[in-house]
Amino acid sequence: VEDGEDVAVDYLAAIGRSPEDSLL
C-alpha cells in the first residue's frame, strides 16, 4: 500500500447475487 506496508487480500467478490460472496 501507499505507506510501504505489505497487506493481504485473500479473495475477490463475485459479480452477482449469491448470499455471501457477491457484490449484491
PDBML (XML) file of the C-alpha atoms, coordinates in Angstrom:
<?xml version="1.0" encoding="UTF-8" ?>
<PDBx:datablock datablockName="MODEL"
   xmlns:PDBx="http://pdbml.pdb.org/schema/pdbx-v50.xsd"
   xmlns:xsi="http://www.w3.org/2001/XMLSchema-instance"
   xsi:schemaLocation="http://pdbml.pdb.org/schema/pdbx-v50.xsd pdbx-v50.xsd">
   <PDBx:atom_siteCategory>
      <PDBx:atom_site id="1">
         <PDBx:B_iso_or_equiv>0.00</PDBx:B_iso_or_equiv>
         <PDBx:Cartn_x>0.000</PDBx:Cartn_x>
         <PDBx:Cartn_y>0.000</PDBx:Cartn_y>
         <PDBx:Cartn_z>0.000</PDBx:Cartn_z>
         <PDBx:auth_asym_id>A</PDBx:auth_asym_id>
         <PDBx:auth_atom_id>CA</PDBx:auth_atom_id>
         <PDBx:auth_comp_id>VAL</PDBx:auth_comp_id>
         <PDBx:auth_seq_id>1</PDBx:auth_seq_id>
         <PDBx:group_PDB>ATOM</PDBx:group_PDB>
         <PDBx:label_alt_id xsi:nil="true" />
         <PDBx:label_asym_id>A</PDBx:label_asym_id>
         <PDBx:label_atom_id>CA</PDBx:label_atom_id>
         <PDBx:label_comp_id>VAL</PDBx:label_comp_id>
         <PDBx:label_entity_id>1</PDBx:label_entity_id>
         <PDBx:label_seq_id>1</PDBx:label_seq_id>
         <PDBx:occupancy>1.00</PDBx:occupancy>
         <PDBx:pdbx_PDB_model_num>1</PDBx:pdbx_PDB_model_num>
         <PDBx:type_symbol>C</PDBx:type_symbol>
      </PDBx:atom_site>
      <PDBx:atom_site id="2">
         <PDBx:B_iso_or_equiv>0.00</PDBx:B_iso_or_equiv>
         <PDBx:Cartn_x>0.925</PDBx:Cartn_x>
         <PDBx:Cartn_y>3.674</PDBx:Cartn_y>
         <PDBx:Cartn_z>-0.229</PDBx:Cartn_z>
         <PDBx:auth_asym_id>A</PDBx:auth_asym_id>
         <PDBx:auth_atom_id>CA</PDBx:auth_atom_id>
         <PDBx:auth_comp_id>GLU</PDBx:auth_comp_id>
         <PDBx:auth_seq_id>2</PDBx:auth_seq_id>
         <PDBx:group_PDB>ATOM</PDBx:group_PDB>
         <PDBx:label_alt_id xsi:nil="true" />
         <PDBx:label_asym_id>A</PDBx:label_asym_id>
         <PDBx:label_atom_id>CA</PDBx:label_atom_id>
         <PDBx:label_comp_id>GLU</PDBx:label_comp_id>
         <PDBx:label_entity_id>1</PDBx:label_entity_id>
         <PDBx:label_seq_id>2</PDBx:label_seq_id>
         <PDBx:occupancy>1.00</PDBx:occupancy>
         <PDBx:pdbx_PDB_model_num>1</PDBx:pdbx_PDB_model_num>
         <PDBx:type_symbol>C</PDBx:type_symbol>
      </PDBx:atom_site>
      <PDBx:atom_site id="3">
         <PDBx:B_iso_or_equiv>0.00</PDBx:B_iso_or_equiv>
         <PDBx:Cartn_x>2.947</PDBx:Cartn_x>
         <PDBx:Cartn_y>3.836</PDBx:Cartn_y>
         <PDBx:Cartn_z>3.000</PDBx:Cartn_z>
         <PDBx:auth_asym_id>A</PDBx:auth_asym_id>
         <PDBx:auth_atom_id>CA</PDBx:auth_atom_id>
         <PDBx:auth_comp_id>ASP</PDBx:auth_comp_id>
         <PDBx:auth_seq_id>3</PDBx:auth_seq_id>
         <PDBx:group_PDB>ATOM</PDBx:group_PDB>
         <PDBx:label_alt_id xsi:nil="true" />
         <PDBx:label_asym_id>A</PDBx:label_asym_id>
         <PDBx:label_atom_id>CA</PDBx:label_atom_id>
         <PDBx:label_comp_id>ASP</PDBx:label_comp_id>
         <PDBx:label_entity_id>1</PDBx:label_entity_id>
         <PDBx:label_seq_id>3</PDBx:label_seq_id>
         <PDBx:occupancy>1.00</PDBx:occupancy>
         <PDBx:pdbx_PDB_model_num>1</PDBx:pdbx_PDB_model_num>
         <PDBx:type_symbol>C</PDBx:type_symbol>
      </PDBx:atom_site>
      <PDBx:atom_site id="4">
         <PDBx:B_iso_or_equiv>0.00</PDBx:B_iso_or_equiv>
         <PDBx:Cartn_x>5.079</PDBx:Cartn_x>
         <PDBx:Cartn_y>0.836</PDBx:Cartn_y>
         <PDBx:Cartn_z>2.036</PDBx:Cartn_z>
         <PDBx:auth_asym_id>A</PDBx:auth_asym_id>
         <PDBx:auth_atom_id>CA</PDBx:auth_atom_id>
         <PDBx:auth_comp_id>GLY</PDBx:auth_comp_id>
         <PDBx:auth_seq_id>4</PDBx:auth_seq_id>
         <PDBx:group_PDB>ATOM</PDBx:group_PDB>
         <PDBx:label_alt_id xsi:nil="true" />
         <PDBx:label_asym_id>A</PDBx:label_asym_id>
         <PDBx:label_atom_id>CA</PDBx:label_atom_id>
         <PDBx:label_comp_id>GLY</PDBx:label_comp_id>
         <PDBx:label_entity_id>1</PDBx:label_entity_id>
         <PDBx:label_seq_id>4</PDBx:label_seq_id>
         <PDBx:occupancy>1.00</PDBx:occupancy>
         <PDBx:pdbx_PDB_model_num>1</PDBx:pdbx_PDB_model_num>
         <PDBx:type_symbol>C</PDBx:type_symbol>
      </PDBx:atom_site>
      <PDBx:atom_site id="5">
         <PDBx:B_iso_or_equiv>0.00</PDBx:B_iso_or_equiv>
         <PDBx:Cartn_x>3.356</PDBx:Cartn_x>
         <PDBx:Cartn_y>-1.795</PDBx:Cartn_y>
         <PDBx:Cartn_z>4.191</PDBx:Cartn_z>
         <PDBx:auth_asym_id>A</PDBx:auth_asym_id>
         <PDBx:auth_atom_id>CA</PDBx:auth_atom_id>
         <PDBx:auth_comp_id>GLU</PDBx:auth_comp_id>
         <PDBx:auth_seq_id>5</PDBx:auth_seq_id>
         <PDBx:group_PDB>ATOM</PDBx:group_PDB>
         <PDBx:label_alt_id xsi:nil="true" />
         <PDBx:label_asym_id>A</PDBx:label_asym_id>
         <PDBx:label_atom_id>CA</PDBx:label_atom_id>
         <PDBx:label_comp_id>GLU</PDBx:label_comp_id>
         <PDBx:label_entity_id>1</PDBx:label_entity_id>
         <PDBx:label_seq_id>5</PDBx:label_seq_id>
         <PDBx:occupancy>1.00</PDBx:occupancy>
         <PDBx:pdbx_PDB_model_num>1</PDBx:pdbx_PDB_model_num>
         <PDBx:type_symbol>C</PDBx:type_symbol>
      </PDBx:atom_site>
      <PDBx:atom_site id="6">
         <PDBx:B_iso_or_equiv>0.00</PDBx:B_iso_or_equiv>
         <PDBx:Cartn_x>2.573</PDBx:Cartn_x>
         <PDBx:Cartn_y>-5.187</PDBx:Cartn_y>
         <PDBx:Cartn_z>2.688</PDBx:Cartn_z>
         <PDBx:auth_asym_id>A</PDBx:auth_asym_id>
         <PDBx:auth_atom_id>CA</PDBx:auth_atom_id>
         <PDBx:auth_comp_id>ASP</PDBx:auth_comp_id>
         <PDBx:auth_seq_id>6</PDBx:auth_seq_id>
         <PDBx:group_PDB>ATOM</PDBx:group_PDB>
         <PDBx:label_alt_id xsi:nil="true" />
         <PDBx:label_asym_id>A</PDBx:label_asym_id>
         <PDBx:label_atom_id>CA</PDBx:label_atom_id>
         <PDBx:label_comp_id>ASP</PDBx:label_comp_id>
         <PDBx:label_entity_id>1</PDBx:label_entity_id>
         <PDBx:label_seq_id>6</PDBx:label_seq_id>
         <PDBx:occupancy>1.00</PDBx:occupancy>
         <PDBx:pdbx_PDB_model_num>1</PDBx:pdbx_PDB_model_num>
         <PDBx:type_symbol>C</PDBx:type_symbol>
      </PDBx:atom_site>
      <PDBx:atom_site id="7">
         <PDBx:B_iso_or_equiv>0.00</PDBx:B_iso_or_equiv>
         <PDBx:Cartn_x>-1.049</PDBx:Cartn_x>
         <PDBx:Cartn_y>-6.235</PDBx:Cartn_y>
         <PDBx:Cartn_z>3.219</PDBx:Cartn_z>
         <PDBx:auth_asym_id>A</PDBx:auth_asym_id>
         <PDBx:auth_atom_id>CA</PDBx:auth_atom_id>
         <PDBx:auth_comp_id>VAL</PDBx:auth_comp_id>
         <PDBx:auth_seq_id>7</PDBx:auth_seq_id>
         <PDBx:group_PDB>ATOM</PDBx:group_PDB>
         <PDBx:label_alt_id xsi:nil="true" />
         <PDBx:label_asym_id>A</PDBx:label_asym_id>
         <PDBx:label_atom_id>CA</PDBx:label_atom_id>
         <PDBx:label_comp_id>VAL</PDBx:label_comp_id>
         <PDBx:label_entity_id>1</PDBx:label_entity_id>
         <PDBx:label_seq_id>7</PDBx:label_seq_id>
         <PDBx:occupancy>1.00</PDBx:occupancy>
         <PDBx:pdbx_PDB_model_num>1</PDBx:pdbx_PDB_model_num>
         <PDBx:type_symbol>C</PDBx:type_symbol>
      </PDBx:atom_site>
      <PDBx:atom_site id="8">
         <PDBx:B_iso_or_equiv>0.00</PDBx:B_iso_or_equiv>
         <PDBx:Cartn_x>-3.110</PDBx:Cartn_x>
         <PDBx:Cartn_y>-9.337</PDBx:Cartn_y>
         <PDBx:Cartn_z>2.410</PDBx:Cartn_z>
         <PDBx:auth_asym_id>A</PDBx:auth_asym_id>
         <PDBx:auth_atom_id>CA</PDBx:auth_atom_id>
         <PDBx:auth_comp_id>ALA</PDBx:auth_comp_id>
         <PDBx:auth_seq_id>8</PDBx:auth_seq_id>
         <PDBx:group_PDB>ATOM</PDBx:group_PDB>
         <PDBx:label_alt_id xsi:nil="true" />
         <PDBx:label_asym_id>A</PDBx:label_asym_id>
         <PDBx:label_atom_id>CA</PDBx:label_atom_id>
         <PDBx:label_comp_id>ALA</PDBx:label_comp_id>
         <PDBx:label_entity_id>1</PDBx:label_entity_id>
         <PDBx:label_seq_id>8</PDBx:label_seq_id>
         <PDBx:occupancy>1.00</PDBx:occupancy>
         <PDBx:pdbx_PDB_model_num>1</PDBx:pdbx_PDB_model_num>
         <PDBx:type_symbol>C</PDBx:type_symbol>
      </PDBx:atom_site>
      <PDBx:atom_site id="9">
         <PDBx:B_iso_or_equiv>0.00</PDBx:B_iso_or_equiv>
         <PDBx:Cartn_x>-6.056</PDBx:Cartn_x>
         <PDBx:Cartn_y>-9.610</PDBx:Cartn_y>
         <PDBx:Cartn_z>0.017</PDBx:Cartn_z>
         <PDBx:auth_asym_id>A</PDBx:auth_asym_id>
         <PDBx:auth_atom_id>CA</PDBx:auth_atom_id>
         <PDBx:auth_comp_id>VAL</PDBx:auth_comp_id>
         <PDBx:auth_seq_id>9</PDBx:auth_seq_id>
         <PDBx:group_PDB>ATOM</PDBx:group_PDB>
         <PDBx:label_alt_id xsi:nil="true" />
         <PDBx:label_asym_id>A</PDBx:label_asym_id>
         <PDBx:label_atom_id>CA</PDBx:label_atom_id>
         <PDBx:label_comp_id>VAL</PDBx:label_comp_id>
         <PDBx:label_entity_id>1</PDBx:label_entity_id>
         <PDBx:label_seq_id>9</PDBx:label_seq_id>
         <PDBx:occupancy>1.00</PDBx:occupancy>
         <PDBx:pdbx_PDB_model_num>1</PDBx:pdbx_PDB_model_num>
         <PDBx:type_symbol>C</PDBx:type_symbol>
      </PDBx:atom_site>
      <PDBx:atom_site id="10">
         <PDBx:B_iso_or_equiv>0.00</PDBx:B_iso_or_equiv>
         <PDBx:Cartn_x>-7.361</PDBx:Cartn_x>
         <PDBx:Cartn_y>-13.178</PDBx:Cartn_y>
         <PDBx:Cartn_z>0.145</PDBx:Cartn_z>
         <PDBx:auth_asym_id>A</PDBx:auth_asym_id>
         <PDBx:auth_atom_id>CA</PDBx:auth_atom_id>
         <PDBx:auth_comp_id>ASP</PDBx:auth_comp_id>
         <PDBx:auth_seq_id>10</PDBx:auth_seq_id>
         <PDBx:group_PDB>ATOM</PDBx:group_PDB>
         <PDBx:label_alt_id xsi:nil="true" />
         <PDBx:label_asym_id>A</PDBx:label_asym_id>
         <PDBx:label_atom_id>CA</PDBx:label_atom_id>
         <PDBx:label_comp_id>ASP</PDBx:label_comp_id>
         <PDBx:label_entity_id>1</PDBx:label_entity_id>
         <PDBx:label_seq_id>10</PDBx:label_seq_id>
         <PDBx:occupancy>1.00</PDBx:occupancy>
         <PDBx:pdbx_PDB_model_num>1</PDBx:pdbx_PDB_model_num>
         <PDBx:type_symbol>C</PDBx:type_symbol>
      </PDBx:atom_site>
      <PDBx:atom_site id="11">
         <PDBx:B_iso_or_equiv>0.00</PDBx:B_iso_or_equiv>
         <PDBx:Cartn_x>-10.364</PDBx:Cartn_x>
         <PDBx:Cartn_y>-13.207</PDBx:Cartn_y>
         <PDBx:Cartn_z>-2.139</PDBx:Cartn_z>
         <PDBx:auth_asym_id>A</PDBx:auth_asym_id>
         <PDBx:auth_atom_id>CA</PDBx:auth_atom_id>
         <PDBx:auth_comp_id>TYR</PDBx:auth_comp_id>
         <PDBx:auth_seq_id>11</PDBx:auth_seq_id>
         <PDBx:group_PDB>ATOM</PDBx:group_PDB>
         <PDBx:label_alt_id xsi:nil="true" />
         <PDBx:label_asym_id>A</PDBx:label_asym_id>
         <PDBx:label_atom_id>CA</PDBx:label_atom_id>
         <PDBx:label_comp_id>TYR</PDBx:label_comp_id>
         <PDBx:label_entity_id>1</PDBx:label_entity_id>
         <PDBx:label_seq_id>11</PDBx:label_seq_id>
         <PDBx:occupancy>1.00</PDBx:occupancy>
         <PDBx:pdbx_PDB_model_num>1</PDBx:pdbx_PDB_model_num>
         <PDBx:type_symbol>C</PDBx:type_symbol>
      </PDBx:atom_site>
      <PDBx:atom_site id="12">
         <PDBx:B_iso_or_equiv>0.00</PDBx:B_iso_or_equiv>
         <PDBx:Cartn_x>-12.445</PDBx:Cartn_x>
         <PDBx:Cartn_y>-11.145</PDBx:Cartn_y>
         <PDBx:Cartn_z>-4.534</PDBx:Cartn_z>
         <PDBx:auth_asym_id>A</PDBx:auth_asym_id>
         <PDBx:auth_atom_id>CA</PDBx:auth_atom_id>
         <PDBx:auth_comp_id>LEU</PDBx:auth_comp_id>
         <PDBx:auth_seq_id>12</PDBx:auth_seq_id>
         <PDBx:group_PDB>ATOM</PDBx:group_PDB>
         <PDBx:label_alt_id xsi:nil="true" />
         <PDBx:label_asym_id>A</PDBx:label_asym_id>
         <PDBx:label_atom_id>CA</PDBx:label_atom_id>
         <PDBx:label_comp_id>LEU</PDBx:label_comp_id>
         <PDBx:label_entity_id>1</PDBx:label_entity_id>
         <PDBx:label_seq_id>12</PDBx:label_seq_id>
         <PDBx:occupancy>1.00</PDBx:occupancy>
         <PDBx:pdbx_PDB_model_num>1</PDBx:pdbx_PDB_model_num>
         <PDBx:type_symbol>C</PDBx:type_symbol>
      </PDBx:atom_site>
      <PDBx:atom_site id="13">
         <PDBx:B_iso_or_equiv>0.00</PDBx:B_iso_or_equiv>
         <PDBx:Cartn_x>-16.207</PDBx:Cartn_x>
         <PDBx:Cartn_y>-10.743</PDBx:Cartn_y>
         <PDBx:Cartn_z>-4.566</PDBx:Cartn_z>
         <PDBx:auth_asym_id>A</PDBx:auth_asym_id>
         <PDBx:auth_atom_id>CA</PDBx:auth_atom_id>
         <PDBx:auth_comp_id>ALA</PDBx:auth_comp_id>
         <PDBx:auth_seq_id>13</PDBx:auth_seq_id>
         <PDBx:group_PDB>ATOM</PDBx:group_PDB>
         <PDBx:label_alt_id xsi:nil="true" />
         <PDBx:label_asym_id>A</PDBx:label_asym_id>
         <PDBx:label_atom_id>CA</PDBx:label_atom_id>
         <PDBx:label_comp_id>ALA</PDBx:label_comp_id>
         <PDBx:label_entity_id>1</PDBx:label_entity_id>
         <PDBx:label_seq_id>13</PDBx:label_seq_id>
         <PDBx:occupancy>1.00</PDBx:occupancy>
         <PDBx:pdbx_PDB_model_num>1</PDBx:pdbx_PDB_model_num>
         <PDBx:type_symbol>C</PDBx:type_symbol>
      </PDBx:atom_site>
      <PDBx:atom_site id="14">
         <PDBx:B_iso_or_equiv>0.00</PDBx:B_iso_or_equiv>
         <PDBx:Cartn_x>-18.296</PDBx:Cartn_x>
         <PDBx:Cartn_y>-12.072</PDBx:Cartn_y>
         <PDBx:Cartn_z>-7.443</PDBx:Cartn_z>
         <PDBx:auth_asym_id>A</PDBx:auth_asym_id>
         <PDBx:auth_atom_id>CA</PDBx:auth_atom_id>
         <PDBx:auth_comp_id>ALA</PDBx:auth_comp_id>
         <PDBx:auth_seq_id>14</PDBx:auth_seq_id>
         <PDBx:group_PDB>ATOM</PDBx:group_PDB>
         <PDBx:label_alt_id xsi:nil="true" />
         <PDBx:label_asym_id>A</PDBx:label_asym_id>
         <PDBx:label_atom_id>CA</PDBx:label_atom_id>
         <PDBx:label_comp_id>ALA</PDBx:label_comp_id>
         <PDBx:label_entity_id>1</PDBx:label_entity_id>
         <PDBx:label_seq_id>14</PDBx:label_seq_id>
         <PDBx:occupancy>1.00</PDBx:occupancy>
         <PDBx:pdbx_PDB_model_num>1</PDBx:pdbx_PDB_model_num>
         <PDBx:type_symbol>C</PDBx:type_symbol>
      </PDBx:atom_site>
      <PDBx:atom_site id="15">
         <PDBx:B_iso_or_equiv>0.00</PDBx:B_iso_or_equiv>
         <PDBx:Cartn_x>-20.464</PDBx:Cartn_x>
         <PDBx:Cartn_y>-10.133</PDBx:Cartn_y>
         <PDBx:Cartn_z>-9.852</PDBx:Cartn_z>
         <PDBx:auth_asym_id>A</PDBx:auth_asym_id>
         <PDBx:auth_atom_id>CA</PDBx:auth_atom_id>
         <PDBx:auth_comp_id>ILE</PDBx:auth_comp_id>
         <PDBx:auth_seq_id>15</PDBx:auth_seq_id>
         <PDBx:group_PDB>ATOM</PDBx:group_PDB>
         <PDBx:label_alt_id xsi:nil="true" />
         <PDBx:label_asym_id>A</PDBx:label_asym_id>
         <PDBx:label_atom_id>CA</PDBx:label_atom_id>
         <PDBx:label_comp_id>ILE</PDBx:label_comp_id>
         <PDBx:label_entity_id>1</PDBx:label_entity_id>
         <PDBx:label_seq_id>15</PDBx:label_seq_id>
         <PDBx:occupancy>1.00</PDBx:occupancy>
         <PDBx:pdbx_PDB_model_num>1</PDBx:pdbx_PDB_model_num>
         <PDBx:type_symbol>C</PDBx:type_symbol>
      </PDBx:atom_site>
      <PDBx:atom_site id="16">
         <PDBx:B_iso_or_equiv>0.00</PDBx:B_iso_or_equiv>
         <PDBx:Cartn_x>-23.904</PDBx:Cartn_x>
         <PDBx:Cartn_y>-11.453</PDBx:Cartn_y>
         <PDBx:Cartn_z>-8.924</PDBx:Cartn_z>
         <PDBx:auth_asym_id>A</PDBx:auth_asym_id>
         <PDBx:auth_atom_id>CA</PDBx:auth_atom_id>
         <PDBx:auth_comp_id>GLY</PDBx:auth_comp_id>
         <PDBx:auth_seq_id>16</PDBx:auth_seq_id>
         <PDBx:group_PDB>ATOM</PDBx:group_PDB>
         <PDBx:label_alt_id xsi:nil="true" />
         <PDBx:label_asym_id>A</PDBx:label_asym_id>
         <PDBx:label_atom_id>CA</PDBx:label_atom_id>
         <PDBx:label_comp_id>GLY</PDBx:label_comp_id>
         <PDBx:label_entity_id>1</PDBx:label_entity_id>
         <PDBx:label_seq_id>16</PDBx:label_seq_id>
         <PDBx:occupancy>1.00</PDBx:occupancy>
         <PDBx:pdbx_PDB_model_num>1</PDBx:pdbx_PDB_model_num>
         <PDBx:type_symbol>C</PDBx:type_symbol>
      </PDBx:atom_site>
      <PDBx:atom_site id="17">
         <PDBx:B_iso_or_equiv>0.00</PDBx:B_iso_or_equiv>
         <PDBx:Cartn_x>-26.416</PDBx:Cartn_x>
         <PDBx:Cartn_y>-12.012</PDBx:Cartn_y>
         <PDBx:Cartn_z>-6.150</PDBx:Cartn_z>
         <PDBx:auth_asym_id>A</PDBx:auth_asym_id>
         <PDBx:auth_atom_id>CA</PDBx:auth_atom_id>
         <PDBx:auth_comp_id>ARG</PDBx:auth_comp_id>
         <PDBx:auth_seq_id>17</PDBx:auth_seq_id>
         <PDBx:group_PDB>ATOM</PDBx:group_PDB>
         <PDBx:label_alt_id xsi:nil="true" />
         <PDBx:label_asym_id>A</PDBx:label_asym_id>
         <PDBx:label_atom_id>CA</PDBx:label_atom_id>
         <PDBx:label_comp_id>ARG</PDBx:label_comp_id>
         <PDBx:label_entity_id>1</PDBx:label_entity_id>
         <PDBx:label_seq_id>17</PDBx:label_seq_id>
         <PDBx:occupancy>1.00</PDBx:occupancy>
         <PDBx:pdbx_PDB_model_num>1</PDBx:pdbx_PDB_model_num>
         <PDBx:type_symbol>C</PDBx:type_symbol>
      </PDBx:atom_site>
      <PDBx:atom_site id="18">
         <PDBx:B_iso_or_equiv>0.00</PDBx:B_iso_or_equiv>
         <PDBx:Cartn_x>-25.265</PDBx:Cartn_x>
         <PDBx:Cartn_y>-15.089</PDBx:Cartn_y>
         <PDBx:Cartn_z>-4.226</PDBx:Cartn_z>
         <PDBx:auth_asym_id>A</PDBx:auth_asym_id>
         <PDBx:auth_atom_id>CA</PDBx:auth_atom_id>
         <PDBx:auth_comp_id>SER</PDBx:auth_comp_id>
         <PDBx:auth_seq_id>18</PDBx:auth_seq_id>
         <PDBx:group_PDB>ATOM</PDBx:group_PDB>
         <PDBx:label_alt_id xsi:nil="true" />
         <PDBx:label_asym_id>A</PDBx:label_asym_id>
         <PDBx:label_atom_id>CA</PDBx:label_atom_id>
         <PDBx:label_comp_id>SER</PDBx:label_comp_id>
         <PDBx:label_entity_id>1</PDBx:label_entity_id>
         <PDBx:label_seq_id>18</PDBx:label_seq_id>
         <PDBx:occupancy>1.00</PDBx:occupancy>
         <PDBx:pdbx_PDB_model_num>1</PDBx:pdbx_PDB_model_num>
         <PDBx:type_symbol>C</PDBx:type_symbol>
      </PDBx:atom_site>
      <PDBx:atom_site id="19">
         <PDBx:B_iso_or_equiv>0.00</PDBx:B_iso_or_equiv>
         <PDBx:Cartn_x>-25.996</PDBx:Cartn_x>
         <PDBx:Cartn_y>-14.759</PDBx:Cartn_y>
         <PDBx:Cartn_z>-0.488</PDBx:Cartn_z>
         <PDBx:auth_asym_id>A</PDBx:auth_asym_id>
         <PDBx:auth_atom_id>CA</PDBx:auth_atom_id>
         <PDBx:auth_comp_id>PRO</PDBx:auth_comp_id>
         <PDBx:auth_seq_id>19</PDBx:auth_seq_id>
         <PDBx:group_PDB>ATOM</PDBx:group_PDB>
         <PDBx:label_alt_id xsi:nil="true" />
         <PDBx:label_asym_id>A</PDBx:label_asym_id>
         <PDBx:label_atom_id>CA</PDBx:label_atom_id>
         <PDBx:label_comp_id>PRO</PDBx:label_comp_id>
         <PDBx:label_entity_id>1</PDBx:label_entity_id>
         <PDBx:label_seq_id>19</PDBx:label_seq_id>
         <PDBx:occupancy>1.00</PDBx:occupancy>
         <PDBx:pdbx_PDB_model_num>1</PDBx:pdbx_PDB_model_num>
         <PDBx:type_symbol>C</PDBx:type_symbol>
      </PDBx:atom_site>
      <PDBx:atom_site id="20">
         <PDBx:B_iso_or_equiv>0.00</PDBx:B_iso_or_equiv>
         <PDBx:Cartn_x>-22.463</PDBx:Cartn_x>
         <PDBx:Cartn_y>-14.332</PDBx:Cartn_y>
         <PDBx:Cartn_z>0.811</PDBx:Cartn_z>
         <PDBx:auth_asym_id>A</PDBx:auth_asym_id>
         <PDBx:auth_atom_id>CA</PDBx:auth_atom_id>
         <PDBx:auth_comp_id>GLU</PDBx:auth_comp_id>
         <PDBx:auth_seq_id>20</PDBx:auth_seq_id>
         <PDBx:group_PDB>ATOM</PDBx:group_PDB>
         <PDBx:label_alt_id xsi:nil="true" />
         <PDBx:label_asym_id>A</PDBx:label_asym_id>
         <PDBx:label_atom_id>CA</PDBx:label_atom_id>
         <PDBx:label_comp_id>GLU</PDBx:label_comp_id>
         <PDBx:label_entity_id>1</PDBx:label_entity_id>
         <PDBx:label_seq_id>20</PDBx:label_seq_id>
         <PDBx:occupancy>1.00</PDBx:occupancy>
         <PDBx:pdbx_PDB_model_num>1</PDBx:pdbx_PDB_model_num>
         <PDBx:type_symbol>C</PDBx:type_symbol>
      </PDBx:atom_site>
      <PDBx:atom_site id="21">
         <PDBx:B_iso_or_equiv>0.00</PDBx:B_iso_or_equiv>
         <PDBx:Cartn_x>-19.719</PDBx:Cartn_x>
         <PDBx:Cartn_y>-13.699</PDBx:Cartn_y>
         <PDBx:Cartn_z>-1.680</PDBx:Cartn_z>
         <PDBx:auth_asym_id>A</PDBx:auth_asym_id>
         <PDBx:auth_atom_id>CA</PDBx:auth_atom_id>
         <PDBx:auth_comp_id>ASP</PDBx:auth_comp_id>
         <PDBx:auth_seq_id>21</PDBx:auth_seq_id>
         <PDBx:group_PDB>ATOM</PDBx:group_PDB>
         <PDBx:label_alt_id xsi:nil="true" />
         <PDBx:label_asym_id>A</PDBx:label_asym_id>
         <PDBx:label_atom_id>CA</PDBx:label_atom_id>
         <PDBx:label_comp_id>ASP</PDBx:label_comp_id>
         <PDBx:label_entity_id>1</PDBx:label_entity_id>
         <PDBx:label_seq_id>21</PDBx:label_seq_id>
         <PDBx:occupancy>1.00</PDBx:occupancy>
         <PDBx:pdbx_PDB_model_num>1</PDBx:pdbx_PDB_model_num>
         <PDBx:type_symbol>C</PDBx:type_symbol>
      </PDBx:atom_site>
      <PDBx:atom_site id="22">
         <PDBx:B_iso_or_equiv>0.00</PDBx:B_iso_or_equiv>
         <PDBx:Cartn_x>-21.169</PDBx:Cartn_x>
         <PDBx:Cartn_y>-11.377</PDBx:Cartn_y>
         <PDBx:Cartn_z>-4.308</PDBx:Cartn_z>
         <PDBx:auth_asym_id>A</PDBx:auth_asym_id>
         <PDBx:auth_atom_id>CA</PDBx:auth_atom_id>
         <PDBx:auth_comp_id>SER</PDBx:auth_comp_id>
         <PDBx:auth_seq_id>22</PDBx:auth_seq_id>
         <PDBx:group_PDB>ATOM</PDBx:group_PDB>
         <PDBx:label_alt_id xsi:nil="true" />
         <PDBx:label_asym_id>A</PDBx:label_asym_id>
         <PDBx:label_atom_id>CA</PDBx:label_atom_id>
         <PDBx:label_comp_id>SER</PDBx:label_comp_id>
         <PDBx:label_entity_id>1</PDBx:label_entity_id>
         <PDBx:label_seq_id>22</PDBx:label_seq_id>
         <PDBx:occupancy>1.00</PDBx:occupancy>
         <PDBx:pdbx_PDB_model_num>1</PDBx:pdbx_PDB_model_num>
         <PDBx:type_symbol>C</PDBx:type_symbol>
      </PDBx:atom_site>
      <PDBx:atom_site id="23">
         <PDBx:B_iso_or_equiv>0.00</PDBx:B_iso_or_equiv>
         <PDBx:Cartn_x>-21.471</PDBx:Cartn_x>
         <PDBx:Cartn_y>-7.632</PDBx:Cartn_y>
         <PDBx:Cartn_z>-4.817</PDBx:Cartn_z>
         <PDBx:auth_asym_id>A</PDBx:auth_asym_id>
         <PDBx:auth_atom_id>CA</PDBx:auth_atom_id>
         <PDBx:auth_comp_id>LEU</PDBx:auth_comp_id>
         <PDBx:auth_seq_id>23</PDBx:auth_seq_id>
         <PDBx:group_PDB>ATOM</PDBx:group_PDB>
         <PDBx:label_alt_id xsi:nil="true" />
         <PDBx:label_asym_id>A</PDBx:label_asym_id>
         <PDBx:label_atom_id>CA</PDBx:label_atom_id>
         <PDBx:label_comp_id>LEU</PDBx:label_comp_id>
         <PDBx:label_entity_id>1</PDBx:label_entity_id>
         <PDBx:label_seq_id>23</PDBx:label_seq_id>
         <PDBx:occupancy>1.00</PDBx:occupancy>
         <PDBx:pdbx_PDB_model_num>1</PDBx:pdbx_PDB_model_num>
         <PDBx:type_symbol>C</PDBx:type_symbol>
      </PDBx:atom_site>
      <PDBx:atom_site id="24">
         <PDBx:B_iso_or_equiv>0.00</PDBx:B_iso_or_equiv>
         <PDBx:Cartn_x>-25.258</PDBx:Cartn_x>
         <PDBx:Cartn_y>-7.726</PDBx:Cartn_y>
         <PDBx:Cartn_z>-4.311</PDBx:Cartn_z>
         <PDBx:auth_asym_id>A</PDBx:auth_asym_id>
         <PDBx:auth_atom_id>CA</PDBx:auth_atom_id>
         <PDBx:auth_comp_id>LEU</PDBx:auth_comp_id>
         <PDBx:auth_seq_id>24</PDBx:auth_seq_id>
         <PDBx:group_PDB>ATOM</PDBx:group_PDB>
         <PDBx:label_alt_id xsi:nil="true" />
         <PDBx:label_asym_id>A</PDBx:label_asym_id>
         <PDBx:label_atom_id>CA</PDBx:label_atom_id>
         <PDBx:label_comp_id>LEU</PDBx:label_comp_id>
         <PDBx:label_entity_id>1</PDBx:label_entity_id>
         <PDBx:label_seq_id>24</PDBx:label_seq_id>
         <PDBx:occupancy>1.00</PDBx:occupancy>
         <PDBx:pdbx_PDB_model_num>1</PDBx:pdbx_PDB_model_num>
         <PDBx:type_symbol>C</PDBx:type_symbol>
      </PDBx:atom_site>
   </PDBx:atom_siteCategory>
</PDBx:datablock>
